[in-house]
Amino acid sequence: MAVVLGVMTARLGMVFFGVAGMAVGAVGVMRGLLVIAGFVMLSGFAVMLGGVLVMFGGLVMMVDGVLAHVLSRGDG
């Protein structure tokens, strides 16, 4: 009977260690997901910054065109 109980407690210990290993593995998975989320946020920021620069470039071209139009009308 003691052998059977010893085997049962050994199995129970292995189950607990397996669950603990699963928890540690889950922490690693969560860390990986957070790293991926950080990269997604940074890439989204880069895309947004590119859009802002494109809009600013369009504004500069528009102001340049308006100024050129106004200045050229004064010459004629």
C-alpha atoms as a PDB file:
ATOM      1  CA  MET A   1       0.000   0.000   0.000  1.00  0.00           C
ATOM      2  CA  ALA A   2       2.870   2.386   0.789  1.00  0.00           C
ATOM      3  CA  VAL A   3       4.276   1.823  -2.699  1.00  0.00           C
ATOM      4  CA  VAL A   4       0.938   2.712  -4.270  1.00  0.00           C
ATOM      5  CA  LEU A   5       0.667   5.878  -2.161  1.00  0.00           C
ATOM      6  CA  GLY A   6       4.263   6.771  -3.011  1.00  0.00           C
ATOM      7  CA  VAL A   7       3.517   6.440  -6.722  1.00  0.00           C
ATOM      8  CA  MET A   8       0.330   8.480  -6.348  1.00  0.00           C
ATOM      9  CA  THR A   9       2.130  11.305  -4.522  1.00  0.00           C
ATOM     10  CA  ALA A  10       4.916  11.217  -7.088  1.00  0.00           C
ATOM     11  CA  ARG A  11       2.342  11.588  -9.852  1.00  0.00           C
ATOM     12  CA  LEU A  12       0.654  14.397  -7.954  1.00  0.00           C
ATOM     13  CA  GLY A  13       4.021  16.126  -7.572  1.00  0.00           C
ATOM     14  CA  MET A  14       4.654  15.783 -11.293  1.00  0.00           C
ATOM     15  CA  VAL A  15       1.240  17.319 -12.012  1.00  0.00           C
ATOM     16  CA  PHE A  16       2.060  20.274  -9.760  1.00  0.00           C
ATOM     17  CA  PHE A  17       5.454  20.732 -11.411  1.00  0.00           C
ATOM     18  CA  GLY A  18       3.786  20.521 -14.810  1.00  0.00           C
ATOM     19  CA  VAL A  19       1.301  23.235 -13.854  1.00  0.00           C
ATOM     20  CA  ALA A  20       4.124  25.389 -12.483  1.00  0.00           C
ATOM     21  CA  GLY A  21       6.038  24.874 -15.724  1.00  0.00           C
ATOM     22  CA  MET A  22       2.937  25.839 -17.663  1.00  0.00           C
ATOM     23  CA  ALA A  23       2.643  29.055 -15.632  1.00  0.00           C
ATOM     24  CA  VAL A  24       6.280  29.927 -16.335  1.00  0.00           C
ATOM     25  CA  GLY A  25       5.714  29.147 -20.012  1.00  0.00           C
ATOM     26  CA  ALA A  26       2.641  31.369 -20.016  1.00  0.00           C
ATOM     27  CA  VAL A  27       4.744  34.236 -18.651  1.00  0.00           C
ATOM     28  CA  GLY A  28       7.132  33.756 -21.561  1.00  0.00           C
ATOM     29  CA  VAL A  29       4.234  33.760 -24.023  1.00  0.00           C
ATOM     30  CA  MET A  30       2.799  36.920 -22.479  1.00  0.00           C
ATOM     31  CA  ARG A  31       6.206  38.600 -22.640  1.00  0.00           C
ATOM     32  CA  GLY A  32       6.462  37.683 -26.316  1.00  0.00           C
ATOM     33  CA  LEU A  33       2.984  39.045 -27.002  1.00  0.00           C
ATOM     34  CA  LEU A  34       3.830  42.296 -25.216  1.00  0.00           C
ATOM     35  CA  VAL A  35       7.009  42.648 -27.297  1.00  0.00           C
ATOM     36  CA  ILE A  36       4.992  42.112 -30.482  1.00  0.00           C
ATOM     37  CA  ALA A  37       2.424  44.664 -29.296  1.00  0.00           C
ATOM     38  CA  GLY A  38       5.236  47.142 -28.643  1.00  0.00           C
ATOM     39  CA  PHE A  39       6.565  46.679 -32.177  1.00  0.00           C
ATOM     40  CA  VAL A  40       3.069  47.159 -33.589  1.00  0.00           C
ATOM     41  CA  MET A  41       2.683  50.385 -31.602  1.00  0.00           C
ATOM     42  CA  LEU A  42       6.053  51.672 -32.810  1.00  0.00           C
ATOM     43  CA  SER A  43       5.280  50.833 -36.426  1.00  0.00           C
ATOM     44  CA  GLY A  44       1.904  52.545 -36.106  1.00  0.00           C
ATOM     45  CA  PHE A  45       3.653  55.626 -34.749  1.00  0.00           C
ATOM     46  CA  ALA A  46       6.074  55.551 -37.689  1.00  0.00           C
ATOM     47  CA  VAL A  47       3.188  55.337 -40.175  1.00  0.00           C
ATOM     48  CA  MET A  48       1.383  58.211 -38.448  1.00  0.00           C
ATOM     49  CA  LEU A  49       4.556  60.316 -38.468  1.00  0.00           C
ATOM     50  CA  GLY A  50       4.971  59.635 -42.188  1.00  0.00           C
ATOM     51  CA  GLY A  51       1.414  60.790 -42.816  1.00  0.00           C
ATOM     52  CA  VAL A  52       1.993  63.983 -40.834  1.00  0.00           C
ATOM     53  CA  LEU A  53       5.127  64.690 -42.857  1.00  0.00           C
ATOM     54  CA  VAL A  54       3.241  64.125 -46.118  1.00  0.00           C
ATOM     55  CA  MET A  55       0.513  66.523 -44.988  1.00  0.00           C
ATOM     56  CA  PHE A  56       3.121  69.102 -43.959  1.00  0.00           C
ATOM     57  CA  GLY A  57       4.830  68.741 -47.345  1.00  0.00           C
ATOM     58  CA  GLY A  58       1.490  69.323 -49.079  1.00  0.00           C
ATOM     59  CA  LEU A  59       0.903  72.421 -46.967  1.00  0.00           C
ATOM     60  CA  VAL A  60       4.332  73.802 -47.898  1.00  0.00           C
ATOM     61  CA  MET A  61       3.664  73.199 -51.601  1.00  0.00           C
ATOM     62  CA  MET A  62       0.241  74.852 -51.369  1.00  0.00           C
ATOM     63  CA  VAL A  63       1.630  77.948 -49.602  1.00  0.00           C
ATOM     64  CA  ASP A  64       4.432  78.107 -52.168  1.00  0.00           C
ATOM     65  CA  GLY A  65       1.919  77.940 -55.008  1.00  0.00           C
ATOM     66  CA  VAL A  66      -0.286  80.650 -53.485  1.00  0.00           C
ATOM     67  CA  LEU A  67       2.719  82.906 -52.887  1.00  0.00           C
ATOM     68  CA  ALA A  68       3.985  82.366 -56.430  1.00  0.00           C
ATOM     69  CA  HIS A  69       0.538  83.198 -57.801  1.00  0.00           C
ATOM     70  CA  VAL A  70       0.191  86.349 -55.707  1.00  0.00           C
ATOM     71  CA  LEU A  71       3.706  87.571 -56.502  1.00  0.00           C
ATOM     72  CA  SER A  72       3.376  86.873 -60.226  1.00  0.00           C
ATOM     73  CA  ARG A  73       0.145  88.901 -60.474  1.00  0.00           C
ATOM     74  CA  GLY A  74       1.929  91.961 -59.078  1.00  0.00           C
ATOM     75  CA  ASP A  75       4.493  91.908 -61.931  1.00  0.00           C
ATOM     76  CA  GLY A  76       2.027  91.987 -64.811  1.00  0.00           C
END
